[in-house]
Amino acid sequence: MTELTQTIYVVDDDEAMRDSMTWLLEGEGYRVNCFDSAEHFLKERRDDMHGCLVLDVRMPEMSGLELHEKLDSLGSELPVIFVTGHGDVPMAVSALQRGACDFIEKPFHNEDLLSRIRRALELDCQLAARRQRDGAIAHRLEQLTQREREVMQLVVAGKLNKQIADTLNISMKTVEAHRARVMEKMGVRTLAELVTAVMSLN
């Protein structure tokens, strides 16, 4: 996989907090992009963003939690780390249950934030690798003929060649030929690999 260009997106209405995070993160060699509101971030957001989002829970207008819900509805997989005040911890926990990556309480130690960011960036890499793999599998599926797809579905369902032949009203030899082409087009060597590939898209 090509190396990702990852950026840490900081969304916080507190200018001093944005400045201190920028100083800390750029000092560690990270690319940083700051936003003073959730609305500002949404205007600049793109589907191909990689990295993670460090998001303040409490902001005027749209809160961090509302932004997280909006991103979720847009299908964003950008890992989110919430920055919370002490009283916001229950809200942050509920955000974790809805798919946020992590949260950290103010005031926090720099190393605590950095360790969370490292984990979030690793998660972003894993998600990108999964998307790339799923895209490749979907592309291979598109290369199958209708009959090959029917055979593949029955193979994945655990049917034997004779059962597939009976179900589709074709010869065993034809089933074997289709099955071999399915394995070749899907780029797999074993039935287990084929099942794993198909299940990963469900």
N, C-alpha and C. Protein backbone atom coordinates (compact mmCIF):
# COMPACT_ATOMS: atom_id res chain seq x y z
N MET A 1 0.84 -1.19 0.00
CA MET A 1 0.00 0.00 0.00
C MET A 1 0.88 1.25 0.00
N THR A 2 0.45 2.26 -0.75
CA THR A 2 1.23 3.49 -0.76
C THR A 2 1.15 4.13 0.63
N GLU A 3 2.22 4.81 1.00
CA GLU A 3 2.27 5.41 2.33
C GLU A 3 1.27 6.55 2.43
N LEU A 4 0.52 6.59 3.53
CA LEU A 4 -0.48 7.63 3.71
C LEU A 4 0.17 8.93 4.13
N THR A 5 -0.40 10.04 3.65
CA THR A 5 -0.03 11.34 4.18
C THR A 5 -1.07 11.66 5.24
N GLN A 6 -0.66 11.54 6.50
CA GLN A 6 -1.60 11.72 7.60
C GLN A 6 -1.48 13.11 8.21
N THR A 7 -2.62 13.66 8.55
CA THR A 7 -2.68 14.98 9.18
C THR A 7 -3.50 14.87 10.45
N ILE A 8 -3.09 15.61 11.48
CA ILE A 8 -3.89 15.69 12.71
C ILE A 8 -4.74 16.95 12.61
N TYR A 9 -6.04 16.75 12.59
CA TYR A 9 -6.98 17.87 12.49
C TYR A 9 -7.46 18.21 13.90
N VAL A 10 -7.21 19.44 14.31
CA VAL A 10 -7.59 19.91 15.65
C VAL A 10 -8.78 20.85 15.50
N VAL A 11 -9.89 20.51 16.16
CA VAL A 11 -11.09 21.37 16.12
C VAL A 11 -11.38 21.82 17.55
N ASP A 12 -11.14 23.11 17.82
CA ASP A 12 -11.31 23.65 19.17
C ASP A 12 -11.54 25.15 19.05
N ASP A 13 -12.52 25.68 19.77
CA ASP A 13 -12.80 27.12 19.67
C ASP A 13 -11.83 27.95 20.52
N ASP A 14 -11.00 27.30 21.33
CA ASP A 14 -10.04 27.99 22.21
C ASP A 14 -8.72 28.18 21.45
N GLU A 15 -8.42 29.42 21.12
CA GLU A 15 -7.22 29.71 20.32
C GLU A 15 -5.95 29.26 21.03
N ALA A 16 -5.88 29.49 22.35
CA ALA A 16 -4.68 29.10 23.11
C ALA A 16 -4.49 27.58 23.04
N MET A 17 -5.57 26.82 23.12
CA MET A 17 -5.47 25.37 23.03
C MET A 17 -5.00 24.94 21.64
N ARG A 18 -5.55 25.59 20.61
CA ARG A 18 -5.12 25.27 19.24
C ARG A 18 -3.63 25.54 19.06
N ASP A 19 -3.19 26.69 19.58
CA ASP A 19 -1.77 27.06 19.43
C ASP A 19 -0.86 26.08 20.17
N SER A 20 -1.26 25.69 21.40
CA SER A 20 -0.39 24.79 22.17
C SER A 20 -0.35 23.40 21.54
N MET A 21 -1.48 22.95 21.01
CA MET A 21 -1.48 21.64 20.34
C MET A 21 -0.64 21.67 19.07
N THR A 22 -0.75 22.75 18.32
CA THR A 22 0.05 22.88 17.10
C THR A 22 1.53 22.84 17.44
N TRP A 23 1.92 23.58 18.46
CA TRP A 23 3.32 23.63 18.86
C TRP A 23 3.80 22.24 19.27
N LEU A 24 2.98 21.53 20.09
CA LEU A 24 3.34 20.20 20.56
C LEU A 24 3.46 19.22 19.38
N LEU A 25 2.44 19.18 18.54
CA LEU A 25 2.36 18.16 17.50
C LEU A 25 3.36 18.41 16.37
N GLU A 26 3.51 19.67 15.98
CA GLU A 26 4.50 19.96 14.94
C GLU A 26 5.91 19.69 15.46
N GLY A 27 6.10 19.90 16.77
CA GLY A 27 7.39 19.59 17.39
C GLY A 27 7.73 18.11 17.33
N GLU A 28 6.67 17.26 17.23
CA GLU A 28 6.86 15.81 17.10
C GLU A 28 6.93 15.37 15.64
N GLY A 29 6.86 16.37 14.74
CA GLY A 29 6.99 16.05 13.31
C GLY A 29 5.68 15.76 12.60
N TYR A 30 4.54 16.01 13.27
CA TYR A 30 3.25 15.75 12.64
C TYR A 30 2.79 16.93 11.79
N ARG A 31 2.01 16.64 10.77
CA ARG A 31 1.30 17.69 10.03
C ARG A 31 0.04 18.03 10.81
N VAL A 32 -0.23 19.31 11.00
CA VAL A 32 -1.37 19.74 11.82
C VAL A 32 -2.20 20.76 11.04
N ASN A 33 -3.52 20.62 11.15
CA ASN A 33 -4.43 21.59 10.53
C ASN A 33 -5.50 21.92 11.56
N CYS A 34 -5.59 23.20 11.96
CA CYS A 34 -6.51 23.61 13.04
C CYS A 34 -7.75 24.30 12.50
N PHE A 35 -8.85 24.12 13.23
CA PHE A 35 -10.12 24.74 12.89
C PHE A 35 -10.74 25.31 14.16
N ASP A 36 -11.34 26.50 14.05
CA ASP A 36 -11.90 27.15 15.24
C ASP A 36 -13.35 26.77 15.49
N SER A 37 -13.95 25.95 14.62
CA SER A 37 -15.33 25.53 14.83
C SER A 37 -15.60 24.25 14.05
N ALA A 38 -16.65 23.56 14.49
CA ALA A 38 -17.06 22.35 13.78
C ALA A 38 -17.52 22.68 12.37
N GLU A 39 -18.22 23.82 12.24
CA GLU A 39 -18.71 24.23 10.92
C GLU A 39 -17.56 24.47 9.95
N HIS A 40 -16.50 25.10 10.45
CA HIS A 40 -15.33 25.38 9.62
C HIS A 40 -14.69 24.07 9.13
N PHE A 41 -14.59 23.10 10.05
CA PHE A 41 -14.02 21.81 9.66
C PHE A 41 -14.88 21.13 8.59
N LEU A 42 -16.22 21.16 8.78
CA LEU A 42 -17.10 20.50 7.82
C LEU A 42 -16.98 21.10 6.42
N LYS A 43 -16.76 22.42 6.36
CA LYS A 43 -16.61 23.07 5.05
C LYS A 43 -15.37 22.57 4.32
N GLU A 44 -14.32 22.27 5.08
CA GLU A 44 -13.04 21.85 4.48
C GLU A 44 -12.92 20.33 4.35
N ARG A 45 -13.83 19.59 4.98
CA ARG A 45 -13.72 18.13 5.02
C ARG A 45 -13.78 17.50 3.64
N ARG A 46 -12.93 16.48 3.45
CA ARG A 46 -12.96 15.68 2.21
C ARG A 46 -13.00 14.20 2.59
N ASP A 47 -13.51 13.38 1.69
CA ASP A 47 -13.60 11.94 1.95
C ASP A 47 -12.22 11.29 2.04
N ASP A 48 -11.21 11.89 1.40
CA ASP A 48 -9.89 11.24 1.35
C ASP A 48 -8.94 11.74 2.44
N MET A 49 -9.48 12.35 3.49
CA MET A 49 -8.62 12.79 4.60
C MET A 49 -8.07 11.58 5.35
N HIS A 50 -6.80 11.64 5.69
CA HIS A 50 -6.17 10.59 6.49
C HIS A 50 -5.49 11.21 7.70
N GLY A 51 -5.50 10.47 8.81
CA GLY A 51 -4.89 10.95 10.04
C GLY A 51 -5.84 10.73 11.19
N CYS A 52 -6.10 11.79 11.97
CA CYS A 52 -7.09 11.69 13.05
C CYS A 52 -7.61 13.07 13.38
N LEU A 53 -8.70 13.08 14.14
CA LEU A 53 -9.38 14.32 14.50
C LEU A 53 -9.32 14.47 16.01
N VAL A 54 -8.73 15.57 16.50
CA VAL A 54 -8.72 15.88 17.93
C VAL A 54 -9.79 16.94 18.15
N LEU A 55 -10.86 16.55 18.86
CA LEU A 55 -12.09 17.32 18.84
C LEU A 55 -12.54 17.71 20.24
N ASP A 56 -12.73 19.02 20.46
CA ASP A 56 -13.22 19.49 21.75
C ASP A 56 -14.71 19.16 21.87
N VAL A 57 -15.12 18.67 23.03
CA VAL A 57 -16.53 18.31 23.22
C VAL A 57 -17.41 19.54 23.21
N ARG A 58 -17.01 20.56 24.00
CA ARG A 58 -17.86 21.74 24.17
C ARG A 58 -17.39 22.87 23.27
N MET A 59 -18.25 23.23 22.31
CA MET A 59 -17.98 24.40 21.45
C MET A 59 -19.30 25.10 21.20
N PRO A 60 -19.27 26.42 20.97
CA PRO A 60 -20.52 27.12 20.63
C PRO A 60 -21.03 26.64 19.27
N GLU A 61 -22.28 26.98 18.98
CA GLU A 61 -22.91 26.51 17.73
C GLU A 61 -22.95 24.98 17.73
N MET A 62 -22.16 24.34 16.85
CA MET A 62 -22.16 22.87 16.78
C MET A 62 -21.13 22.31 17.75
N SER A 63 -21.57 21.41 18.65
CA SER A 63 -20.63 20.82 19.62
C SER A 63 -19.79 19.73 18.95
N GLY A 64 -18.76 19.27 19.66
CA GLY A 64 -17.94 18.19 19.15
C GLY A 64 -18.74 16.91 18.95
N LEU A 65 -19.67 16.65 19.88
CA LEU A 65 -20.51 15.45 19.76
C LEU A 65 -21.40 15.53 18.53
N GLU A 66 -21.95 16.71 18.27
CA GLU A 66 -22.81 16.88 17.08
C GLU A 66 -21.99 16.72 15.79
N LEU A 67 -20.74 17.24 15.82
CA LEU A 67 -19.87 17.06 14.65
C LEU A 67 -19.58 15.59 14.43
N HIS A 68 -19.31 14.87 15.52
CA HIS A 68 -19.02 13.44 15.41
C HIS A 68 -20.20 12.69 14.79
N GLU A 69 -21.42 13.03 15.24
CA GLU A 69 -22.63 12.39 14.69
C GLU A 69 -22.78 12.72 13.21
N LYS A 70 -22.49 13.97 12.84
CA LYS A 70 -22.58 14.39 11.44
C LYS A 70 -21.58 13.61 10.59
N LEU A 71 -20.34 13.50 11.07
CA LEU A 71 -19.31 12.76 10.33
C LEU A 71 -19.70 11.30 10.17
N ASP A 72 -20.29 10.74 11.23
CA ASP A 72 -20.74 9.35 11.18
C ASP A 72 -21.78 9.17 10.09
N SER A 73 -22.72 10.12 10.00
CA SER A 73 -23.78 10.04 8.98
C SER A 73 -23.21 10.20 7.57
N LEU A 74 -22.05 10.86 7.46
CA LEU A 74 -21.39 11.03 6.15
C LEU A 74 -20.51 9.84 5.80
N GLY A 75 -20.43 8.86 6.72
CA GLY A 75 -19.62 7.67 6.45
C GLY A 75 -18.13 7.87 6.71
N SER A 76 -17.78 8.91 7.47
CA SER A 76 -16.37 9.17 7.77
C SER A 76 -15.81 8.10 8.71
N GLU A 77 -14.60 7.65 8.41
CA GLU A 77 -13.92 6.68 9.29
C GLU A 77 -12.70 7.32 9.96
N LEU A 78 -12.55 8.64 9.84
CA LEU A 78 -11.42 9.33 10.45
C LEU A 78 -11.49 9.13 11.96
N PRO A 79 -10.46 8.52 12.58
CA PRO A 79 -10.52 8.30 14.03
C PRO A 79 -10.64 9.62 14.80
N VAL A 80 -11.50 9.62 15.82
CA VAL A 80 -11.78 10.84 16.59
C VAL A 80 -11.32 10.65 18.03
N ILE A 81 -10.53 11.63 18.52
CA ILE A 81 -10.15 11.70 19.94
C ILE A 81 -10.85 12.93 20.52
N PHE A 82 -11.72 12.70 21.50
CA PHE A 82 -12.41 13.82 22.14
C PHE A 82 -11.55 14.40 23.26
N VAL A 83 -11.53 15.73 23.35
CA VAL A 83 -10.90 16.43 24.47
C VAL A 83 -12.03 16.95 25.35
N THR A 84 -12.04 16.52 26.63
CA THR A 84 -13.17 16.82 27.49
C THR A 84 -12.75 17.50 28.78
N GLY A 85 -13.68 18.31 29.32
CA GLY A 85 -13.55 18.77 30.69
C GLY A 85 -14.05 17.66 31.61
N HIS A 86 -13.81 17.80 32.90
CA HIS A 86 -14.16 16.74 33.86
C HIS A 86 -15.63 16.36 33.78
N GLY A 87 -16.51 17.36 33.69
CA GLY A 87 -17.95 17.08 33.69
C GLY A 87 -18.44 16.45 32.41
N ASP A 88 -17.59 16.40 31.38
CA ASP A 88 -18.01 15.88 30.08
C ASP A 88 -17.70 14.40 29.88
N VAL A 89 -17.11 13.77 30.90
CA VAL A 89 -16.68 12.38 30.73
C VAL A 89 -17.84 11.45 30.36
N PRO A 90 -19.02 11.55 31.02
CA PRO A 90 -20.13 10.67 30.60
C PRO A 90 -20.48 10.84 29.12
N MET A 91 -20.45 12.09 28.63
CA MET A 91 -20.72 12.34 27.22
C MET A 91 -19.67 11.67 26.34
N ALA A 92 -18.41 11.77 26.76
CA ALA A 92 -17.32 11.18 25.98
C ALA A 92 -17.44 9.67 25.94
N VAL A 93 -17.85 9.07 27.06
CA VAL A 93 -18.02 7.62 27.10
C VAL A 93 -19.12 7.20 26.12
N SER A 94 -20.21 7.97 26.08
CA SER A 94 -21.29 7.62 25.15
C SER A 94 -20.81 7.81 23.71
N ALA A 95 -19.91 8.78 23.46
CA ALA A 95 -19.34 8.96 22.12
C ALA A 95 -18.48 7.75 21.74
N LEU A 96 -17.75 7.20 22.71
CA LEU A 96 -16.96 5.99 22.44
C LEU A 96 -17.88 4.84 22.02
N GLN A 97 -19.02 4.75 22.68
CA GLN A 97 -19.97 3.70 22.34
C GLN A 97 -20.53 3.89 20.93
N ARG A 98 -20.49 5.13 20.44
CA ARG A 98 -20.98 5.41 19.08
C ARG A 98 -19.84 5.45 18.06
N GLY A 99 -18.65 4.98 18.46
CA GLY A 99 -17.60 4.81 17.46
C GLY A 99 -16.41 5.73 17.55
N ALA A 100 -16.38 6.65 18.53
CA ALA A 100 -15.18 7.48 18.69
C ALA A 100 -14.01 6.58 19.06
N CYS A 101 -12.81 7.05 18.78
CA CYS A 101 -11.61 6.25 19.00
C CYS A 101 -11.14 6.32 20.46
N ASP A 102 -11.19 7.52 21.06
CA ASP A 102 -10.62 7.70 22.39
C ASP A 102 -11.08 9.05 22.94
N PHE A 103 -10.81 9.30 24.22
CA PHE A 103 -10.99 10.65 24.75
C PHE A 103 -9.93 10.91 25.81
N ILE A 104 -9.68 12.18 26.04
CA ILE A 104 -8.69 12.58 27.03
C ILE A 104 -9.23 13.77 27.81
N GLU A 105 -9.02 13.75 29.13
CA GLU A 105 -9.53 14.82 29.99
C GLU A 105 -8.53 15.96 30.11
N LYS A 106 -9.05 17.19 30.12
CA LYS A 106 -8.22 18.36 30.45
C LYS A 106 -8.13 18.45 31.97
N PRO A 107 -7.02 18.93 32.52
CA PRO A 107 -5.74 19.14 31.82
C PRO A 107 -5.05 17.79 31.61
N PHE A 108 -4.37 17.65 30.49
CA PHE A 108 -3.74 16.36 30.20
C PHE A 108 -2.23 16.54 30.05
N HIS A 109 -1.49 15.45 30.26
CA HIS A 109 -0.06 15.45 30.01
C HIS A 109 0.17 15.28 28.51
N ASN A 110 1.17 15.97 27.99
CA ASN A 110 1.44 15.90 26.56
C ASN A 110 1.64 14.46 26.08
N GLU A 111 2.36 13.66 26.88
CA GLU A 111 2.65 12.29 26.44
C GLU A 111 1.38 11.45 26.38
N ASP A 112 0.40 11.75 27.26
CA ASP A 112 -0.88 11.03 27.19
C ASP A 112 -1.58 11.30 25.85
N LEU A 113 -1.58 12.57 25.46
CA LEU A 113 -2.20 12.93 24.18
C LEU A 113 -1.45 12.29 23.02
N LEU A 114 -0.12 12.35 23.06
CA LEU A 114 0.68 11.80 21.96
C LEU A 114 0.47 10.29 21.82
N SER A 115 0.36 9.58 22.95
CA SER A 115 0.16 8.13 22.85
C SER A 115 -1.20 7.81 22.24
N ARG A 116 -2.20 8.62 22.56
CA ARG A 116 -3.53 8.41 21.97
C ARG A 116 -3.49 8.72 20.48
N ILE A 117 -2.78 9.76 20.11
CA ILE A 117 -2.67 10.12 18.70
C ILE A 117 -1.94 9.03 17.91
N ARG A 118 -0.89 8.47 18.49
CA ARG A 118 -0.18 7.37 17.81
C ARG A 118 -1.12 6.19 17.55
N ARG A 119 -1.94 5.87 18.56
CA ARG A 119 -2.90 4.76 18.39
C ARG A 119 -3.93 5.08 17.31
N ALA A 120 -4.41 6.34 17.31
CA ALA A 120 -5.41 6.74 16.32
C ALA A 120 -4.84 6.70 14.90
N LEU A 121 -3.59 7.11 14.74
CA LEU A 121 -2.96 7.09 13.42
C LEU A 121 -2.74 5.66 12.94
N GLU A 122 -2.41 4.77 13.86
CA GLU A 122 -2.27 3.35 13.51
C GLU A 122 -3.62 2.77 13.08
N LEU A 123 -4.68 3.15 13.79
CA LEU A 123 -6.03 2.71 13.42
C LEU A 123 -6.38 3.22 12.03
N ASP A 124 -6.05 4.47 11.75
CA ASP A 124 -6.31 5.06 10.43
C ASP A 124 -5.62 4.25 9.33
N CYS A 125 -4.39 3.83 9.58
CA CYS A 125 -3.64 3.00 8.61
C CYS A 125 -4.36 1.66 8.40
N GLN A 126 -4.82 1.05 9.49
CA GLN A 126 -5.52 -0.24 9.39
C GLN A 126 -6.82 -0.09 8.60
N LEU A 127 -7.56 1.00 8.85
CA LEU A 127 -8.81 1.23 8.14
C LEU A 127 -8.56 1.45 6.65
N ALA A 128 -7.49 2.21 6.34
CA ALA A 128 -7.15 2.47 4.94
C ALA A 128 -6.77 1.17 4.23
N ALA A 129 -6.02 0.32 4.92
CA ALA A 129 -5.62 -0.97 4.34
C ALA A 129 -6.85 -1.83 4.08
N ARG A 130 -7.80 -1.81 5.03
CA ARG A 130 -9.02 -2.60 4.85
C ARG A 130 -9.84 -2.09 3.67
N ARG A 131 -9.95 -0.75 3.54
CA ARG A 131 -10.69 -0.18 2.41
C ARG A 131 -10.05 -0.56 1.08
N GLN A 132 -8.72 -0.52 1.05
CA GLN A 132 -8.01 -0.88 -0.18
C GLN A 132 -8.25 -2.35 -0.52
N ARG A 133 -8.18 -3.21 0.49
CA ARG A 133 -8.40 -4.64 0.28
C ARG A 133 -9.83 -4.89 -0.20
N ASP A 134 -10.81 -4.26 0.46
CA ASP A 134 -12.21 -4.45 0.09
C ASP A 134 -12.47 -3.95 -1.33
N GLY A 135 -11.82 -2.85 -1.70
CA GLY A 135 -11.97 -2.33 -3.06
C GLY A 135 -11.43 -3.31 -4.09
N ALA A 136 -10.30 -3.94 -3.76
CA ALA A 136 -9.71 -4.92 -4.68
C ALA A 136 -10.62 -6.15 -4.82
N ILE A 137 -11.20 -6.60 -3.70
CA ILE A 137 -12.10 -7.75 -3.75
C ILE A 137 -13.35 -7.42 -4.56
N ALA A 138 -13.91 -6.23 -4.33
CA ALA A 138 -15.11 -5.82 -5.07
C ALA A 138 -14.81 -5.76 -6.57
N HIS A 139 -13.62 -5.27 -6.92
CA HIS A 139 -13.23 -5.20 -8.33
C HIS A 139 -13.15 -6.60 -8.93
N ARG A 140 -12.60 -7.56 -8.18
CA ARG A 140 -12.50 -8.94 -8.68
C ARG A 140 -13.89 -9.55 -8.85
N LEU A 141 -14.78 -9.27 -7.92
CA LEU A 141 -16.15 -9.79 -8.02
C LEU A 141 -16.82 -9.33 -9.31
N GLU A 142 -16.53 -8.08 -9.70
CA GLU A 142 -17.13 -7.53 -10.91
C GLU A 142 -16.69 -8.28 -12.17
N GLN A 143 -15.54 -8.97 -12.09
CA GLN A 143 -15.01 -9.69 -13.26
C GLN A 143 -15.73 -11.04 -13.46
N LEU A 144 -16.48 -11.49 -12.46
CA LEU A 144 -17.15 -12.78 -12.56
C LEU A 144 -18.37 -12.70 -13.47
N THR A 145 -18.60 -13.76 -14.26
CA THR A 145 -19.85 -13.84 -15.02
C THR A 145 -20.99 -14.17 -14.05
N GLN A 146 -22.22 -14.03 -14.54
CA GLN A 146 -23.39 -14.34 -13.70
C GLN A 146 -23.33 -15.78 -13.21
N ARG A 147 -22.98 -16.72 -14.10
CA ARG A 147 -22.93 -18.13 -13.73
C ARG A 147 -21.81 -18.39 -12.71
N GLU A 148 -20.65 -17.77 -12.93
CA GLU A 148 -19.55 -17.93 -11.98
C GLU A 148 -19.94 -17.41 -10.59
N ARG A 149 -20.70 -16.32 -10.58
CA ARG A 149 -21.16 -15.76 -9.30
C ARG A 149 -22.12 -16.72 -8.58
N GLU A 150 -23.00 -17.33 -9.37
CA GLU A 150 -23.94 -18.31 -8.79
C GLU A 150 -23.19 -19.50 -8.20
N VAL A 151 -22.20 -19.99 -8.95
CA VAL A 151 -21.40 -21.11 -8.46
C VAL A 151 -20.66 -20.70 -7.18
N MET A 152 -20.06 -19.51 -7.21
CA MET A 152 -19.30 -19.04 -6.05
C MET A 152 -20.19 -18.96 -4.81
N GLN A 153 -21.40 -18.42 -4.95
CA GLN A 153 -22.29 -18.29 -3.79
C GLN A 153 -22.63 -19.65 -3.19
N LEU A 154 -22.82 -20.65 -4.06
CA LEU A 154 -23.13 -22.00 -3.57
C LEU A 154 -21.90 -22.65 -2.93
N VAL A 155 -20.72 -22.39 -3.51
CA VAL A 155 -19.47 -22.90 -2.92
C VAL A 155 -19.28 -22.31 -1.52
N VAL A 156 -19.46 -20.99 -1.42
CA VAL A 156 -19.27 -20.30 -0.13
C VAL A 156 -20.31 -20.78 0.89
N ALA A 157 -21.50 -21.18 0.40
CA ALA A 157 -22.55 -21.69 1.29
C ALA A 157 -22.25 -23.12 1.75
N GLY A 158 -21.14 -23.69 1.24
CA GLY A 158 -20.73 -25.02 1.70
C GLY A 158 -21.27 -26.17 0.87
N LYS A 159 -21.84 -25.87 -0.30
CA LYS A 159 -22.39 -26.93 -1.15
C LYS A 159 -21.27 -27.70 -1.86
N LEU A 160 -21.47 -28.99 -2.01
CA LEU A 160 -20.53 -29.83 -2.76
C LEU A 160 -20.78 -29.66 -4.25
N ASN A 161 -19.78 -30.04 -5.07
CA ASN A 161 -19.91 -29.88 -6.52
C ASN A 161 -21.17 -30.57 -7.06
N LYS A 162 -21.46 -31.76 -6.56
CA LYS A 162 -22.64 -32.49 -7.05
C LYS A 162 -23.93 -31.74 -6.73
N GLN A 163 -23.99 -31.16 -5.51
CA GLN A 163 -25.17 -30.38 -5.12
C GLN A 163 -25.32 -29.13 -5.98
N ILE A 164 -24.17 -28.49 -6.29
CA ILE A 164 -24.19 -27.29 -7.13
C ILE A 164 -24.67 -27.66 -8.53
N ALA A 165 -24.18 -28.78 -9.06
CA ALA A 165 -24.59 -29.24 -10.39
C ALA A 165 -26.09 -29.47 -10.43
N ASP A 166 -26.63 -30.11 -9.39
CA ASP A 166 -28.07 -30.38 -9.33
C ASP A 166 -28.87 -29.08 -9.23
N THR A 167 -28.40 -28.17 -8.36
CA THR A 167 -29.12 -26.91 -8.14
C THR A 167 -29.19 -26.08 -9.43
N LEU A 168 -28.07 -26.01 -10.15
CA LEU A 168 -27.99 -25.16 -11.34
C LEU A 168 -28.31 -25.92 -12.63
N ASN A 169 -28.56 -27.24 -12.48
CA ASN A 169 -28.88 -28.07 -13.64
C ASN A 169 -27.77 -28.03 -14.70
N ILE A 170 -26.53 -28.20 -14.22
CA ILE A 170 -25.37 -28.26 -15.11
C ILE A 170 -24.53 -29.47 -14.72
N SER A 171 -23.57 -29.83 -15.56
CA SER A 171 -22.76 -31.02 -15.29
C SER A 171 -21.71 -30.74 -14.21
N MET A 172 -21.23 -31.80 -13.59
CA MET A 172 -20.16 -31.68 -12.59
C MET A 172 -18.92 -31.04 -13.21
N LYS A 173 -18.63 -31.46 -14.46
CA LYS A 173 -17.45 -30.94 -15.16
C LYS A 173 -17.55 -29.42 -15.32
N THR A 174 -18.75 -28.95 -15.64
CA THR A 174 -18.98 -27.51 -15.80
C THR A 174 -18.82 -26.79 -14.46
N VAL A 175 -19.33 -27.42 -13.40
CA VAL A 175 -19.16 -26.83 -12.06
C VAL A 175 -17.67 -26.69 -11.75
N GLU A 176 -16.91 -27.74 -12.00
CA GLU A 176 -15.47 -27.72 -11.71
C GLU A 176 -14.76 -26.63 -12.50
N ALA A 177 -15.16 -26.45 -13.76
CA ALA A 177 -14.55 -25.42 -14.60
C ALA A 177 -14.87 -24.02 -14.06
N HIS A 178 -16.15 -23.82 -13.73
CA HIS A 178 -16.55 -22.51 -13.17
C HIS A 178 -15.84 -22.25 -11.85
N ARG A 179 -15.77 -23.28 -11.02
CA ARG A 179 -15.14 -23.16 -9.70
C ARG A 179 -13.66 -22.76 -9.85
N ALA A 180 -12.97 -23.38 -10.79
CA ALA A 180 -11.55 -23.06 -11.02
C ALA A 180 -11.39 -21.62 -11.49
N ARG A 181 -12.31 -21.15 -12.36
CA ARG A 181 -12.22 -19.77 -12.85
C ARG A 181 -12.52 -18.77 -11.73
N VAL A 182 -13.48 -19.13 -10.87
CA VAL A 182 -13.79 -18.26 -9.72
C VAL A 182 -12.56 -18.09 -8.84
N MET A 183 -11.89 -19.18 -8.53
CA MET A 183 -10.69 -19.13 -7.67
C MET A 183 -9.61 -18.27 -8.32
N GLU A 184 -9.45 -18.45 -9.63
CA GLU A 184 -8.41 -17.68 -10.36
C GLU A 184 -8.75 -16.20 -10.37
N LYS A 185 -9.98 -15.86 -10.74
CA LYS A 185 -10.38 -14.44 -10.83
C LYS A 185 -10.37 -13.75 -9.47
N MET A 186 -10.73 -14.51 -8.43
CA MET A 186 -10.76 -13.92 -7.08
C MET A 186 -9.37 -13.87 -6.44
N GLY A 187 -8.39 -14.49 -7.08
CA GLY A 187 -7.01 -14.43 -6.58
C GLY A 187 -6.83 -15.21 -5.28
N VAL A 188 -7.56 -16.32 -5.14
CA VAL A 188 -7.45 -17.13 -3.91
C VAL A 188 -7.03 -18.56 -4.29
N ARG A 189 -6.43 -19.25 -3.30
CA ARG A 189 -5.94 -20.61 -3.54
C ARG A 189 -6.80 -21.66 -2.84
N THR A 190 -7.46 -21.26 -1.76
CA THR A 190 -8.22 -22.24 -0.97
C THR A 190 -9.66 -21.77 -0.78
N LEU A 191 -10.51 -22.73 -0.43
CA LEU A 191 -11.91 -22.40 -0.14
C LEU A 191 -12.00 -21.43 1.04
N ALA A 192 -11.15 -21.62 2.05
CA ALA A 192 -11.16 -20.73 3.22
C ALA A 192 -10.86 -19.29 2.82
N GLU A 193 -9.90 -19.10 1.91
CA GLU A 193 -9.56 -17.75 1.44
C GLU A 193 -10.73 -17.13 0.67
N LEU A 194 -11.42 -17.97 -0.12
CA LEU A 194 -12.57 -17.47 -0.88
C LEU A 194 -13.69 -17.02 0.07
N VAL A 195 -13.99 -17.86 1.06
CA VAL A 195 -15.04 -17.52 2.04
C VAL A 195 -14.68 -16.23 2.78
N THR A 196 -13.43 -16.11 3.20
CA THR A 196 -12.99 -14.91 3.92
C THR A 196 -13.15 -13.67 3.06
N ALA A 197 -12.75 -13.77 1.79
CA ALA A 197 -12.84 -12.62 0.88
C ALA A 197 -14.31 -12.18 0.70
N VAL A 198 -15.18 -13.15 0.46
CA VAL A 198 -16.60 -12.81 0.23
C VAL A 198 -17.24 -12.27 1.50
N MET A 199 -16.95 -12.89 2.65
CA MET A 199 -17.54 -12.45 3.91
C MET A 199 -17.08 -11.06 4.31
N SER A 200 -15.88 -10.67 3.92
CA SER A 200 -15.34 -9.36 4.31
C SER A 200 -16.16 -8.22 3.70
N LEU A 201 -16.89 -8.49 2.64
CA LEU A 201 -17.69 -7.44 2.00
C LEU A 201 -19.12 -7.40 2.52
N ASN A 202 -19.48 -8.35 3.37
CA ASN A 202 -20.85 -8.39 3.89
C ASN A 202 -20.99 -7.59 5.18
